[in-house]
């Protein structure tokens, strides 16, 4: 059996605060809505880390489902009445290199605060 390749995606939730369960449910619901049951099941993702204070997280997704997951992020505008945008900031082949890249990049929240608004 061939081992499935994964990608690690660093996401940022811009807007109202949401918790981990709301985020997972919204991604799953929207993927089934857009791609149907079979297409949605092809996106095998797992939310590995999520920090609701900074609204950032890391998702592991299979290589075939990466583009579909990114498409799902485009269509999520509201989660349980809270306005949000899900931004995929970085994608990497290993979690170690992803965490290295995260340290070098600033989040939108940090950029916004530097502007002084």
C-alpha atoms as a PDB file:
ATOM      1  CA  UNK A   1       0.000   0.000   0.000  1.00  0.00           C
ATOM      2  CA  UNK A   2       1.283   3.439  -0.936  1.00  0.00           C
ATOM      3  CA  UNK A   3       1.656   5.950   1.868  1.00  0.00           C
ATOM      4  CA  UNK A   4      -0.439   9.075   1.501  1.00  0.00           C
ATOM      5  CA  UNK A   5       1.409  12.388   1.231  1.00  0.00           C
ATOM      6  CA  UNK A   6       0.333  15.277   3.430  1.00  0.00           C
ATOM      7  CA  UNK A   7       0.776  19.010   3.477  1.00  0.00           C
ATOM      8  CA  UNK A   8       0.742  21.237   6.527  1.00  0.00           C
ATOM      9  CA  UNK A   9      -1.210  24.504   6.235  1.00  0.00           C
ATOM     10  CA  UNK A  10      -0.833  27.482   8.560  1.00  0.00           C
ATOM     11  CA  UNK A  11      -4.174  29.288   8.750  1.00  0.00           C
ATOM     12  CA  UNK A  12      -5.284  32.557  10.208  1.00  0.00           C
ATOM     13  CA  UNK A  13      -8.898  33.350  11.078  1.00  0.00           C
ATOM     14  CA  UNK A  14      -9.615  37.038  10.542  1.00  0.00           C
ATOM     15  CA  UNK A  15     -12.712  38.512  12.154  1.00  0.00           C
ATOM     16  CA  UNK A  16     -14.762  37.431  15.157  1.00  0.00           C
ATOM     17  CA  UNK A  17     -13.370  34.873  17.587  1.00  0.00           C
ATOM     18  CA  UNK A  18     -14.390  31.266  17.049  1.00  0.00           C
ATOM     19  CA  UNK A  19     -13.402  28.111  18.844  1.00  0.00           C
ATOM     20  CA  UNK A  20     -11.863  24.921  17.498  1.00  0.00           C
ATOM     21  CA  UNK A  21     -15.095  22.930  17.164  1.00  0.00           C
ATOM     22  CA  UNK A  22     -16.841  25.722  15.269  1.00  0.00           C
ATOM     23  CA  UNK A  23     -13.947  25.931  12.822  1.00  0.00           C
ATOM     24  CA  UNK A  24     -13.820  22.191  12.145  1.00  0.00           C
ATOM     25  CA  UNK A  25     -17.593  21.970  11.720  1.00  0.00           C
ATOM     26  CA  UNK A  26     -17.664  24.938   9.333  1.00  0.00           C
ATOM     27  CA  UNK A  27     -14.882  23.532   7.141  1.00  0.00           C
ATOM     28  CA  UNK A  28     -16.516  20.105   7.011  1.00  0.00           C
ATOM     29  CA  UNK A  29     -20.004  21.531   6.328  1.00  0.00           C
ATOM     30  CA  UNK A  30     -18.791  23.816   3.533  1.00  0.00           C
ATOM     31  CA  UNK A  31     -16.697  21.065   1.905  1.00  0.00           C
ATOM     32  CA  UNK A  32     -19.744  18.780   1.727  1.00  0.00           C
ATOM     33  CA  UNK A  33     -21.837  21.661   0.423  1.00  0.00           C
ATOM     34  CA  UNK A  34     -19.365  22.486  -2.353  1.00  0.00           C
ATOM     35  CA  UNK A  35     -18.112  19.034  -3.375  1.00  0.00           C
ATOM     36  CA  UNK A  36     -20.804  16.654  -2.168  1.00  0.00           C
ATOM     37  CA  UNK A  37     -20.317  13.707   0.154  1.00  0.00           C
ATOM     38  CA  UNK A  38     -17.706  11.907  -1.916  1.00  0.00           C
ATOM     39  CA  UNK A  39     -15.755  15.032  -2.835  1.00  0.00           C
ATOM     40  CA  UNK A  40     -15.890  16.342   0.726  1.00  0.00           C
ATOM     41  CA  UNK A  41     -14.617  13.031   2.044  1.00  0.00           C
ATOM     42  CA  UNK A  42     -11.570  13.302  -0.224  1.00  0.00           C
ATOM     43  CA  UNK A  43     -10.433  16.274   1.836  1.00  0.00           C
ATOM     44  CA  UNK A  44      -8.968  14.390   4.745  1.00  0.00           C
ATOM     45  CA  UNK A  45      -7.935  17.177   7.070  1.00  0.00           C
ATOM     46  CA  UNK A  46      -7.096  17.395  10.737  1.00  0.00           C
ATOM     47  CA  UNK A  47      -6.784  20.527  12.816  1.00  0.00           C
ATOM     48  CA  UNK A  48      -3.534  19.809  14.640  1.00  0.00           C
ATOM     49  CA  UNK A  49      -3.126  23.070  16.547  1.00  0.00           C
ATOM     50  CA  UNK A  50      -5.433  26.018  17.081  1.00  0.00           C
ATOM     51  CA  UNK A  51      -4.966  29.088  19.249  1.00  0.00           C
ATOM     52  CA  UNK A  52      -8.267  30.981  19.628  1.00  0.00           C
ATOM     53  CA  UNK A  53      -6.520  34.008  21.173  1.00  0.00           C
ATOM     54  CA  UNK A  54      -4.277  34.586  18.149  1.00  0.00           C
ATOM     55  CA  UNK A  55      -6.809  32.981  15.770  1.00  0.00           C
ATOM     56  CA  UNK A  56      -4.100  30.868  14.133  1.00  0.00           C
ATOM     57  CA  UNK A  57      -3.799  27.160  13.567  1.00  0.00           C
ATOM     58  CA  UNK A  58      -2.143  24.331  11.699  1.00  0.00           C
ATOM     59  CA  UNK A  59      -4.088  21.887   9.537  1.00  0.00           C
ATOM     60  CA  UNK A  60      -2.781  18.624   8.096  1.00  0.00           C
ATOM     61  CA  UNK A  61      -4.392  17.742   4.781  1.00  0.00           C
ATOM     62  CA  UNK A  62      -3.729  15.066   2.176  1.00  0.00           C
ATOM     63  CA  UNK A  63      -2.006  16.272  -0.981  1.00  0.00           C
ATOM     64  CA  UNK A  64      -5.026  15.578  -3.214  1.00  0.00           C
ATOM     65  CA  UNK A  65      -7.325  17.598  -0.949  1.00  0.00           C
ATOM     66  CA  UNK A  66      -5.114  20.692  -0.597  1.00  0.00           C
ATOM     67  CA  UNK A  67      -6.619  22.639  -3.497  1.00  0.00           C
ATOM     68  CA  UNK A  68     -10.146  21.704  -2.454  1.00  0.00           C
ATOM     69  CA  UNK A  69      -9.435  22.827   1.130  1.00  0.00           C
ATOM     70  CA  UNK A  70      -8.161  26.173  -0.122  1.00  0.00           C
ATOM     71  CA  UNK A  71     -11.341  26.541  -2.168  1.00  0.00           C
ATOM     72  CA  UNK A  72     -13.424  25.821   0.931  1.00  0.00           C
ATOM     73  CA  UNK A  73     -11.591  28.623   2.760  1.00  0.00           C
ATOM     74  CA  UNK A  74     -12.651  31.070   0.026  1.00  0.00           C
ATOM     75  CA  UNK A  75     -16.325  30.300   0.517  1.00  0.00           C
ATOM     76  CA  UNK A  76     -16.455  30.490   4.319  1.00  0.00           C
ATOM     77  CA  UNK A  77     -17.566  33.996   5.235  1.00  0.00           C
ATOM     78  CA  UNK A  78     -19.698  33.300   8.310  1.00  0.00           C
ATOM     79  CA  UNK A  79     -19.559  30.754  11.121  1.00  0.00           C
ATOM     80  CA  UNK A  80     -22.552  30.625  13.470  1.00  0.00           C
ATOM     81  CA  UNK A  81     -23.453  34.235  12.743  1.00  0.00           C
ATOM     82  CA  UNK A  82     -19.867  35.468  13.217  1.00  0.00           C
ATOM     83  CA  UNK A  83     -18.163  37.104  10.253  1.00  0.00           C
ATOM     84  CA  UNK A  84     -14.800  35.498   9.477  1.00  0.00           C
ATOM     85  CA  UNK A  85     -12.242  35.023   6.739  1.00  0.00           C
ATOM     86  CA  UNK A  86      -9.919  32.044   6.750  1.00  0.00           C
ATOM     87  CA  UNK A  87      -6.544  32.863   5.274  1.00  0.00           C
ATOM     88  CA  UNK A  88      -4.062  30.131   4.422  1.00  0.00           C
ATOM     89  CA  UNK A  89      -0.753  31.859   5.054  1.00  0.00           C
ATOM     90  CA  UNK A  90       1.791  29.095   4.504  1.00  0.00           C
ATOM     91  CA  UNK A  91       1.928  25.547   3.151  1.00  0.00           C
ATOM     92  CA  UNK A  92       4.766  23.131   3.768  1.00  0.00           C
ATOM     93  CA  UNK A  93       5.622  19.473   3.329  1.00  0.00           C
ATOM     94  CA  UNK A  94       6.732  18.980   6.935  1.00  0.00           C
ATOM     95  CA  UNK A  95       5.483  20.456  10.175  1.00  0.00           C
ATOM     96  CA  UNK A  96       9.051  21.238  11.253  1.00  0.00           C
ATOM     97  CA  UNK A  97       9.718  23.464   8.248  1.00  0.00           C
ATOM     98  CA  UNK A  98       6.280  25.037   8.595  1.00  0.00           C
ATOM     99  CA  UNK A  99       7.000  26.071  12.181  1.00  0.00           C
ATOM    100  CA  UNK A 100      10.336  27.520  11.057  1.00  0.00           C
ATOM    101  CA  UNK A 101       8.584  29.572   8.372  1.00  0.00           C
ATOM    102  CA  UNK A 102       5.912  30.749  10.833  1.00  0.00           C
ATOM    103  CA  UNK A 103       8.573  32.305  13.067  1.00  0.00           C
ATOM    104  CA  UNK A 104       9.839  34.340  10.116  1.00  0.00           C
ATOM    105  CA  UNK A 105       6.421  35.657   9.042  1.00  0.00           C
ATOM    106  CA  UNK A 106       4.121  38.128  10.753  1.00  0.00           C
ATOM    107  CA  UNK A 107       0.410  37.456  11.136  1.00  0.00           C
ATOM    108  CA  UNK A 108      -2.164  39.890   9.776  1.00  0.00           C
ATOM    109  CA  UNK A 109      -2.992  40.821  13.339  1.00  0.00           C
ATOM    110  CA  UNK A 110       0.630  41.870  13.993  1.00  0.00           C
ATOM    111  CA  UNK A 111       0.812  43.805  10.729  1.00  0.00           C
ATOM    112  CA  UNK A 112      -2.453  45.580  11.542  1.00  0.00           C
ATOM    113  CA  UNK A 113      -1.285  46.523  15.041  1.00  0.00           C
ATOM    114  CA  UNK A 114       1.993  47.946  13.668  1.00  0.00           C
ATOM    115  CA  UNK A 115       0.010  50.320  11.467  1.00  0.00           C
ATOM    116  CA  UNK A 116      -1.529  51.780  14.589  1.00  0.00           C
ATOM    117  CA  UNK A 117      -5.163  51.373  13.640  1.00  0.00           C
END
